[in-house]
Protein backbone atom coordinates (compact mmCIF):
# COMPACT_ATOMS: atom_id res chain seq x y z
CA UNK A 1 -179.63 -131.07 -37.77
CA UNK A 2 -178.76 -134.31 -40.59
CA UNK A 3 -182.00 -137.02 -41.56
CA UNK A 4 -182.38 -139.97 -43.64
CA UNK A 5 -185.70 -140.21 -45.54
CA UNK A 6 -186.39 -143.42 -47.26
CA UNK A 7 -189.01 -144.74 -48.85
CA UNK A 8 -189.27 -148.47 -48.24
CA UNK A 9 -191.03 -151.46 -49.16
CA UNK A 10 -188.99 -152.20 -52.10
CA UNK A 11 -187.00 -155.30 -52.75
CA UNK A 12 -183.35 -154.70 -52.95
CA UNK A 13 -181.37 -156.06 -55.65
CA UNK A 14 -177.41 -156.36 -56.78
CA UNK A 15 -174.11 -156.37 -55.56
CA UNK A 16 -172.91 -154.59 -52.75
CA UNK A 17 -169.05 -154.41 -52.44
CA UNK A 18 -168.24 -154.48 -48.55
CA UNK A 19 -165.34 -152.05 -47.26
CA UNK A 20 -162.52 -152.55 -44.88
CA UNK A 21 -163.14 -153.32 -41.16
CA UNK A 22 -163.74 -150.48 -38.67
CA UNK A 23 -162.83 -152.83 -36.27
CA UNK A 24 -159.55 -153.90 -37.45
CA UNK A 25 -158.81 -150.53 -38.67
CA UNK A 26 -158.43 -148.74 -35.31
CA UNK A 27 -155.72 -151.98 -33.17
CA UNK A 28 -153.68 -151.77 -36.06
CA UNK A 29 -153.72 -147.70 -37.01
CA UNK A 30 -152.21 -148.12 -33.30
CA UNK A 31 -149.84 -150.27 -34.05
CA UNK A 32 -147.99 -148.69 -36.54
CA UNK A 33 -146.56 -146.24 -33.24
CA UNK A 34 -144.55 -149.30 -32.75
CA UNK A 35 -142.51 -149.09 -36.11
CA UNK A 36 -140.42 -145.91 -37.03
CA UNK A 37 -140.79 -145.30 -40.58
CA UNK A 38 -142.79 -144.85 -43.62
CA UNK A 39 -146.13 -147.12 -44.89
CA UNK A 40 -148.84 -147.72 -46.88
CA UNK A 41 -152.52 -148.91 -45.36
CA UNK A 42 -154.82 -150.19 -48.00
CA UNK A 43 -158.94 -150.82 -47.62
CA UNK A 44 -159.42 -147.78 -44.83
CA UNK A 45 -162.87 -147.82 -44.38
CA UNK A 46 -164.24 -143.58 -45.14
CA UNK A 47 -166.30 -143.69 -42.01
CA UNK A 48 -166.72 -141.02 -38.50
CA UNK A 49 -164.69 -143.06 -36.42
CA UNK A 50 -161.68 -143.91 -38.72
CA UNK A 51 -162.02 -139.88 -39.74
CA UNK A 52 -161.59 -138.98 -36.09
CA UNK A 53 -159.39 -141.52 -35.35
CA UNK A 54 -156.60 -140.48 -37.59
CA UNK A 55 -157.34 -136.77 -36.47
CA UNK A 56 -156.07 -137.72 -32.61
CA UNK A 57 -152.78 -139.59 -34.77
CA UNK A 58 -151.93 -136.33 -36.27
CA UNK A 59 -152.49 -134.20 -33.67
CA UNK A 60 -149.78 -136.82 -31.61
CA UNK A 61 -147.37 -136.44 -34.12
CA UNK A 62 -147.73 -139.06 -36.89
CA UNK A 63 -147.88 -137.55 -40.44
CA UNK A 64 -151.34 -138.84 -42.84
CA UNK A 65 -151.58 -138.70 -46.66
CA UNK A 66 -154.82 -139.54 -46.99
CA UNK A 67 -155.54 -140.79 -50.53
CA UNK A 68 -159.20 -141.90 -50.26
CA UNK A 69 -158.75 -145.55 -49.67
CA UNK A 70 -155.66 -146.17 -48.69
CA UNK A 71 -152.93 -143.97 -46.51
CA UNK A 72 -149.79 -143.38 -46.24
CA UNK A 73 -148.23 -142.63 -42.87
CA UNK A 74 -144.85 -141.88 -41.56
CA UNK A 75 -143.91 -142.80 -37.99
CA UNK A 76 -140.64 -141.50 -37.95
CA UNK A 77 -140.98 -138.34 -36.47
CA UNK A 78 -141.18 -138.02 -32.46
CA UNK A 79 -145.28 -139.08 -30.71
CA UNK A 80 -146.68 -137.29 -27.98
CA UNK A 81 -147.87 -139.87 -25.52
CA UNK A 82 -150.71 -137.70 -24.35
CA UNK A 83 -154.23 -136.87 -26.53
CA UNK A 84 -156.08 -134.41 -26.16
CA UNK A 85 -159.49 -134.19 -23.94
CA UNK A 86 -161.86 -133.27 -26.58
CA UNK A 87 -165.80 -133.52 -25.72
CA UNK A 88 -166.81 -134.16 -28.73
CA UNK A 89 -164.32 -137.04 -29.49
CA UNK A 90 -166.81 -139.90 -29.08
CA UNK A 91 -164.65 -143.12 -29.96
CA UNK A 92 -164.11 -146.67 -28.18
CA UNK A 93 -161.29 -147.58 -30.57
CA UNK A 94 -158.99 -145.38 -28.68
CA UNK A 95 -158.33 -148.20 -26.72
CA UNK A 96 -156.08 -149.69 -28.12
CA UNK A 97 -153.58 -146.14 -27.89
CA UNK A 98 -152.37 -146.93 -24.23
CA UNK A 99 -150.80 -149.74 -25.16
CA UNK A 100 -148.97 -148.72 -28.32
CA UNK A 101 -147.98 -145.32 -26.88
CA UNK A 102 -146.47 -147.45 -23.50
CA UNK A 103 -144.95 -149.32 -25.41
CA UNK A 104 -143.98 -146.55 -28.14
CA UNK A 105 -142.68 -144.04 -24.83
CA UNK A 106 -143.12 -146.00 -22.07
CA UNK A 107 -146.08 -143.66 -21.14
CA UNK A 108 -149.34 -142.57 -22.27
CA UNK A 109 -151.76 -140.30 -21.14
CA UNK A 110 -155.04 -140.63 -22.90
CA UNK A 111 -159.03 -139.51 -22.78
CA UNK A 112 -161.72 -142.37 -21.31
CA UNK A 113 -162.61 -144.82 -23.99
CA UNK A 114 -165.43 -143.64 -26.15
CA UNK A 115 -168.29 -145.07 -28.37
CA UNK A 116 -172.31 -145.85 -28.31
CA UNK A 117 -174.40 -144.92 -25.18
CA UNK A 118 -174.26 -148.92 -25.05
CA UNK A 119 -170.60 -148.56 -23.45
CA UNK A 120 -172.62 -147.46 -20.06
CA UNK A 121 -172.98 -149.09 -17.40
CA UNK A 122 -170.15 -151.76 -15.77
CA UNK A 123 -167.06 -151.70 -18.27
CA UNK A 124 -164.22 -153.95 -17.82
CA UNK A 125 -161.79 -151.59 -18.38
CA UNK A 126 -159.64 -153.21 -15.17
CA UNK A 127 -158.86 -156.24 -17.95
CA UNK A 128 -156.52 -153.92 -19.78
CA UNK A 129 -155.31 -152.55 -16.74
CA UNK A 130 -154.89 -155.99 -15.61
CA UNK A 131 -152.73 -157.29 -18.62
CA UNK A 132 -150.38 -154.20 -19.18
CA UNK A 133 -150.28 -154.22 -15.76
CA UNK A 134 -148.97 -158.08 -16.31
CA UNK A 135 -146.12 -156.44 -18.70
CA UNK A 136 -145.00 -153.78 -15.80
CA UNK A 137 -146.81 -150.97 -16.35
CA UNK A 138 -148.26 -148.85 -13.59
CA UNK A 139 -151.63 -147.54 -14.77
CA UNK A 140 -153.91 -145.41 -13.02
CA UNK A 141 -157.08 -143.09 -13.35
CA UNK A 142 -156.58 -139.31 -12.26
CA UNK A 143 -160.35 -138.60 -12.79
CA UNK A 144 -159.98 -137.38 -16.34
CA UNK A 145 -157.24 -139.62 -17.94
CA UNK A 146 -155.96 -143.13 -18.36
CA UNK A 147 -152.50 -142.73 -17.26
CA UNK A 148 -150.24 -146.00 -17.98
CA UNK A 149 -145.91 -145.28 -17.61
CA UNK A 150 -143.37 -147.69 -17.27
CA UNK A 151 -139.62 -147.61 -16.17
CA UNK A 152 -137.34 -149.04 -19.15
CA UNK A 153 -139.08 -151.53 -21.02
CA UNK A 154 -142.15 -154.03 -20.99
CA UNK A 155 -141.25 -157.28 -20.06
CA UNK A 156 -142.38 -160.36 -21.34
CA UNK A 157 -145.03 -162.36 -18.76
CA UNK A 158 -147.74 -165.34 -18.24
CA UNK A 159 -151.45 -163.09 -19.02
CA UNK A 160 -155.24 -164.91 -17.91
CA UNK A 161 -157.81 -162.49 -18.97
CA UNK A 162 -160.68 -163.53 -16.96
CA UNK A 163 -163.35 -162.39 -19.78
CA UNK A 164 -162.29 -162.79 -23.81
CA UNK A 165 -162.20 -158.98 -24.04
CA UNK A 166 -161.42 -157.91 -27.85
CA UNK A 167 -159.96 -154.69 -26.26
CA UNK A 168 -157.83 -156.19 -23.80
CA UNK A 169 -156.77 -158.98 -26.09
CA UNK A 170 -155.62 -156.06 -28.36
CA UNK A 171 -153.85 -154.14 -25.47
CA UNK A 172 -152.04 -156.86 -24.87
CA UNK A 173 -150.44 -157.90 -28.31
CA UNK A 174 -149.18 -154.39 -28.36
CA UNK A 175 -147.63 -154.26 -25.19
CA UNK A 176 -145.61 -157.31 -25.40
CA UNK A 177 -144.34 -157.39 -29.03
CA UNK A 178 -141.01 -155.19 -28.52
CA UNK A 179 -141.29 -156.63 -25.06
CA UNK A 180 -138.61 -158.08 -23.64
CA UNK A 181 -139.19 -161.98 -22.70
CA UNK A 182 -141.83 -163.73 -24.14
CA UNK A 183 -145.49 -163.81 -22.81
CA UNK A 184 -148.01 -165.49 -23.29
CA UNK A 185 -152.03 -164.53 -23.25
CA UNK A 186 -155.06 -167.53 -21.96
CA UNK A 187 -158.33 -166.87 -22.41
CA UNK A 188 -157.68 -164.35 -25.95
CA UNK A 189 -160.25 -163.07 -27.92
CA UNK A 190 -160.74 -164.94 -31.15
CA UNK A 191 -162.59 -161.98 -33.43
CA UNK A 192 -161.31 -162.29 -36.79
CA UNK A 193 -159.79 -158.29 -36.69
CA UNK A 194 -157.14 -159.96 -33.69
CA UNK A 195 -156.34 -162.52 -36.79
CA UNK A 196 -155.57 -159.24 -38.49
CA UNK A 197 -153.48 -157.40 -36.34
CA UNK A 198 -151.70 -160.35 -35.75
CA UNK A 199 -151.01 -160.71 -39.58
CA UNK A 200 -149.79 -157.15 -39.65
CA UNK A 201 -147.47 -157.70 -36.87
CA UNK A 202 -145.86 -160.12 -37.91
CA UNK A 203 -145.38 -159.23 -41.35
CA UNK A 204 -143.74 -156.08 -39.85
CA UNK A 205 -141.48 -158.74 -38.19
CA UNK A 206 -142.82 -159.83 -34.78
CA UNK A 207 -142.84 -163.21 -33.15
CA UNK A 208 -146.25 -164.06 -32.62
CA UNK A 209 -147.73 -167.52 -32.78
CA UNK A 210 -151.64 -168.20 -31.83
CA UNK A 211 -152.79 -171.84 -31.11
CA UNK A 212 -155.86 -174.29 -33.00
CA UNK A 213 -158.93 -172.48 -30.86
CA UNK A 214 -157.34 -169.01 -31.02
CA UNK A 215 -157.61 -168.01 -27.27
CA UNK A 216 -153.75 -169.36 -26.71
CA UNK A 217 -151.49 -165.98 -28.06
CA UNK A 218 -147.72 -166.73 -27.11
CA UNK A 219 -145.60 -163.45 -28.16
CA UNK A 220 -141.40 -163.23 -28.55
CA UNK A 221 -140.25 -159.48 -27.93
CA UNK A 222 -138.16 -158.27 -30.93
CA UNK A 223 -136.24 -154.76 -30.48
CA UNK A 224 -137.81 -153.55 -33.40
CA UNK A 225 -140.41 -153.86 -36.19
CA UNK A 226 -140.12 -152.67 -40.00
CA UNK A 227 -141.91 -150.82 -42.14
CA UNK A 228 -144.76 -152.60 -44.00
CA UNK A 229 -147.89 -151.73 -46.60
CA UNK A 230 -150.72 -153.90 -45.52
CA UNK A 231 -154.41 -154.41 -46.56
CA UNK A 232 -157.52 -154.17 -44.10
CA UNK A 233 -159.88 -157.07 -43.26
CA UNK A 234 -163.39 -156.72 -44.76
CA UNK A 235 -165.51 -155.29 -42.26
CA UNK A 236 -167.85 -158.46 -41.25
CA UNK A 237 -170.69 -156.55 -39.62
CA UNK A 238 -170.45 -154.41 -42.74
CA UNK A 239 -171.61 -157.73 -44.83
CA UNK A 240 -173.87 -159.46 -42.44
CA UNK A 241 -175.80 -156.13 -42.65
CA UNK A 242 -176.41 -156.05 -46.02
CA UNK A 243 -177.24 -159.33 -45.47
CA UNK A 244 -180.16 -159.26 -43.05
CA UNK A 245 -180.81 -156.00 -45.70
CA UNK A 246 -181.49 -158.64 -47.87
CA UNK A 247 -183.18 -160.76 -46.33
CA UNK A 248 -185.93 -158.31 -44.61
CA UNK A 249 -187.00 -156.36 -48.01
CA UNK A 250 -187.17 -160.10 -49.50
CA UNK A 251 -185.03 -158.95 -52.38
CA UNK A 252 -181.95 -160.71 -53.50
CA UNK A 253 -178.22 -159.41 -52.95
CA UNK A 254 -174.95 -160.44 -53.48
CA UNK A 255 -171.81 -159.54 -50.91
CA UNK A 256 -168.74 -159.12 -52.71
CA UNK A 257 -165.01 -159.05 -50.76
CA UNK A 258 -165.94 -159.87 -47.53
CA UNK A 259 -164.76 -163.45 -45.53
CA UNK A 260 -168.48 -165.43 -44.93
CA UNK A 261 -166.19 -167.41 -42.69
CA UNK A 262 -166.09 -164.65 -40.42
CA UNK A 263 -169.85 -164.02 -40.07
CA UNK A 264 -170.67 -167.65 -40.34
CA UNK A 265 -173.57 -167.37 -37.40
CA UNK A 266 -175.37 -164.93 -39.26
CA UNK A 267 -175.57 -166.88 -42.45
CA UNK A 268 -176.03 -169.83 -40.44
CA UNK A 269 -179.27 -168.10 -38.83
CA UNK A 270 -179.95 -166.31 -41.90
CA UNK A 271 -181.18 -170.01 -43.36
CA UNK A 272 -182.34 -171.20 -40.24
CA UNK A 273 -184.98 -169.19 -40.12
CA UNK A 274 -185.93 -169.64 -44.25
CA UNK A 275 -183.48 -168.13 -46.36
CA UNK A 276 -182.11 -169.38 -49.19
CA UNK A 277 -178.11 -168.31 -49.43
CA UNK A 278 -175.58 -169.34 -52.46
CA UNK A 279 -171.81 -169.50 -51.41
CA UNK A 280 -170.21 -168.46 -55.47
CA UNK A 281 -166.15 -167.40 -56.00
CA UNK A 282 -166.29 -166.28 -52.25
CA UNK A 283 -169.25 -164.18 -52.97
CA UNK A 284 -172.43 -165.14 -50.82
CA UNK A 285 -176.12 -164.18 -52.35
CA UNK A 286 -179.29 -164.30 -50.32
CA UNK A 287 -182.55 -164.86 -51.43
CA UNK A 288 -186.00 -164.77 -49.71
CA UNK A 289 -189.99 -164.52 -50.59
CA UNK A 290 -191.41 -165.43 -47.49
CA UNK A 291 -191.58 -163.52 -43.89
CA UNK A 292 -189.57 -166.98 -42.26
CA UNK A 293 -189.34 -168.39 -38.98
CA UNK A 294 -188.99 -167.25 -35.36
CA UNK A 295 -185.76 -167.97 -34.47
CA UNK A 296 -183.70 -167.40 -31.10
CA UNK A 297 -180.41 -166.06 -31.48
CA UNK A 298 -178.00 -165.77 -27.93
CA UNK A 299 -174.82 -163.24 -28.79
CA UNK A 300 -171.24 -164.59 -27.86
CA UNK A 301 -167.91 -164.08 -28.61
CA UNK A 302 -166.31 -164.92 -31.89
CA UNK A 303 -167.23 -167.65 -33.04
CA UNK A 304 -170.55 -167.08 -31.52
CA UNK A 305 -173.13 -164.60 -33.09
CA UNK A 306 -171.96 -161.14 -33.32
CA UNK A 307 -173.43 -158.61 -31.01
CA UNK A 308 -172.67 -156.36 -33.66
CA UNK A 309 -175.08 -157.91 -35.78
CA UNK A 310 -178.01 -158.33 -33.01
CA UNK A 311 -179.87 -155.22 -33.72
CA UNK A 312 -180.34 -155.83 -36.86
CA UNK A 313 -181.66 -159.40 -36.55
CA UNK A 314 -184.13 -157.63 -34.52
CA UNK A 315 -186.00 -155.90 -36.75
CA UNK A 316 -185.45 -158.91 -39.05
CA UNK A 317 -187.17 -160.96 -36.78
CA UNK A 318 -189.86 -158.23 -35.97
CA UNK A 319 -192.02 -159.78 -39.58
CA UNK A 320 -190.88 -163.43 -38.83
CA UNK A 321 -193.64 -165.66 -38.23
CA UNK A 322 -194.16 -166.69 -34.88
CA UNK A 323 -192.23 -165.67 -32.07
CA UNK A 324 -188.31 -165.24 -31.32
CA UNK A 325 -185.77 -164.56 -28.85
CA UNK A 326 -183.17 -162.64 -28.45
CA UNK A 327 -180.73 -163.40 -25.58
CA UNK A 328 -177.64 -160.15 -25.42
CA UNK A 329 -174.64 -161.39 -23.02
CA UNK A 330 -172.07 -158.49 -24.25
CA UNK A 331 -173.64 -155.51 -24.05
CA UNK A 332 -175.91 -154.42 -21.38
CA UNK A 333 -177.79 -151.39 -23.12
CA UNK A 334 -177.98 -153.55 -26.56
CA UNK A 335 -181.95 -153.53 -26.23
CA UNK A 336 -182.36 -149.19 -26.88
CA UNK A 337 -183.76 -150.10 -30.12
CA UNK A 338 -186.64 -152.14 -29.47
CA UNK A 339 -187.82 -148.82 -28.23
CA UNK A 340 -188.06 -147.47 -31.80
CA UNK A 341 -188.67 -150.46 -33.99
CA UNK A 342 -191.88 -150.76 -31.77
CA UNK A 343 -192.92 -147.16 -33.07
CA UNK A 344 -193.29 -148.84 -36.66
CA UNK A 345 -195.80 -151.67 -35.62
CA UNK A 346 -193.11 -154.28 -33.72
CA UNK A 347 -194.06 -156.25 -30.64
CA UNK A 348 -190.74 -156.62 -28.52
CA UNK A 349 -190.74 -157.20 -24.46
CA UNK A 350 -187.36 -156.66 -23.55
CA UNK A 351 -187.09 -158.53 -20.06
CA UNK A 352 -183.63 -157.30 -18.54
CA UNK A 353 -180.69 -159.08 -21.22
CA UNK A 354 -183.90 -160.89 -22.86
CA UNK A 355 -185.83 -160.04 -25.56
CA UNK A 356 -189.01 -161.30 -26.91
CA UNK A 357 -190.30 -160.76 -30.28
CA UNK A 358 -193.74 -161.10 -31.73
CA UNK A 359 -193.35 -160.88 -35.83
CA UNK A 360 -196.53 -159.06 -36.92
CA UNK A 361 -197.09 -159.26 -41.32
CA UNK A 362 -195.27 -155.74 -41.44
CA UNK A 363 -193.79 -152.98 -39.89
CA UNK A 364 -195.01 -149.13 -40.77
CA UNK A 365 -193.60 -146.28 -41.82
CA UNK A 366 -192.32 -143.95 -38.63
CA UNK A 367 -190.31 -141.44 -37.42
CA UNK A 368 -187.07 -142.63 -35.58
CA UNK A 369 -184.43 -142.27 -33.49
CA UNK A 370 -181.13 -143.90 -34.16
CA UNK A 371 -179.91 -144.87 -30.85
CA UNK A 372 -175.87 -145.57 -31.46
CA UNK A 373 -174.19 -147.61 -34.55
CA UNK A 374 -175.71 -151.04 -35.26
CA UNK A 375 -179.16 -149.84 -33.68
CA UNK A 376 -178.99 -147.08 -36.49
CA UNK A 377 -178.58 -149.80 -39.08
CA UNK A 378 -181.21 -151.63 -37.42
CA UNK A 379 -183.84 -148.79 -37.93
CA UNK A 380 -182.22 -148.49 -41.76
CA UNK A 381 -183.23 -152.47 -42.39
CA UNK A 382 -186.89 -151.21 -41.14
CA UNK A 383 -187.62 -148.40 -43.11
CA UNK A 384 -186.40 -150.23 -45.99
CA UNK A 385 -188.99 -152.72 -45.33
CA UNK A 386 -191.91 -150.59 -44.16
CA UNK A 387 -194.05 -149.52 -47.07
CA UNK A 388 -194.01 -146.18 -47.26
CA UNK A 389 -191.58 -142.80 -46.51
CA UNK A 390 -189.90 -143.16 -43.00
CA UNK A 391 -187.51 -140.69 -41.50
CA UNK A 392 -184.33 -141.23 -39.36
CA UNK A 393 -182.81 -138.71 -36.62
CA UNK A 394 -179.35 -138.78 -35.45
CA UNK A 395 -178.29 -140.96 -38.67
CA UNK A 396 -174.48 -139.37 -37.91
CA UNK A 397 -174.69 -142.94 -35.48
CA UNK A 398 -174.48 -144.71 -39.04
CA UNK A 399 -172.25 -142.68 -40.50
CA UNK A 400 -169.34 -143.41 -37.64
CA UNK A 401 -169.83 -147.35 -38.90
CA UNK A 402 -170.92 -147.93 -42.55
CA UNK A 403 -168.60 -146.33 -45.46
CA UNK A 404 -171.12 -145.10 -48.96
CA UNK A 405 -174.34 -146.96 -47.39
CA UNK A 406 -176.22 -143.97 -48.87
CA UNK A 407 -175.05 -144.72 -52.58
CA UNK A 408 -174.37 -148.72 -52.33
CA UNK A 409 -178.33 -148.68 -51.01
CA UNK A 410 -179.18 -146.78 -53.94
CA UNK A 411 -177.08 -149.17 -56.48
CA UNK A 412 -179.51 -152.06 -54.71
CA UNK A 413 -182.62 -150.02 -55.42
CA UNK A 414 -183.48 -148.33 -52.23
CA UNK A 415 -185.08 -145.09 -52.37
CA UNK A 416 -183.02 -142.62 -49.31
CA UNK A 417 -181.74 -139.46 -49.43
CA UNK A 418 -180.40 -137.30 -46.65
CA UNK A 419 -182.05 -133.83 -45.76
CA UNK A 420 -180.76 -131.35 -42.87
CA UNK A 421 -183.99 -129.61 -40.91
CA UNK A 422 -184.37 -125.94 -41.72
């Protein structure tokens, strides 16, 4: 069993370059199924989830030539509509294959969506079904697989999403691009990763328009799409995580190759806490000498505070002065990391969807266990701030979402090693 050993208490200093966005990679790699031909996709993040996704594509017939930071894809051959059930896979990003396979083959048979254990509980899969059903697909659950079929071609329709679900919005877009007629998606999610998907599809010949606020998407179906080269957008959650890392270690960290407008709520909240943020040539620099003051955080769909940065913010607020309150409105199980932070000396009380945090002077080194991807990142931040040696078990959760994070942290002056239990 692998684990991380961190010798914390050292301010991180330097620059970190942000990798391609995990959550933009999944829908764009699904969208390539709508195109027959050879393509090059650049800025692919080298993380476990993306590797697993590319394995799925290869298994169903996509030819992928992996060249490190970019991949060459050939989708000209026949693509299998069924994705094999693999108990070892834990990948929520597979959701967008539902719409893409139905649009290409008229049929999709895929296992239930994977992901972190934060996804346990009621999930809005019905929104995916509602969106694709409106386009003419018949969807069902046979006990092991999600099954989608359509007779002939999908047809444009008016779709209203009861919630601005990212996955349902992406599936609706993927289904509508090659559908006959026009589609309107109202109350659509507005996350930057959706913008990236639309940019990719429009470059390939799709006709997609987004209103000013992004909540309404209009699509005119086209007969086919052309192969293109494309570069994935930078990962806004990775950028936010390293910004918070600089804050919690009282260091000076510059974030390079990011799009600050995509994680502005995190930047503004750090300013509210008391950290100095500088914008220069598209880069963001954070510096801080004191613990800052407690704040209130409410997670919201974009452009609100991102749920994927909430756990990392909790780690920081654990050593802020006074009381902070975090309300989680997106994922019902996102507070599991609180139990592990408490082992490190944090004072946190969880009441349903709210966490009350009373700041302490400092966190103490401990042995902890990553409960999920973002919770693992939060524990990494906590360990880097605690003076002494901490151990993080189940570190494979962090591997799922952060490219070369050990090397990047070392470059900033952090002391971190990966070890294996005897």
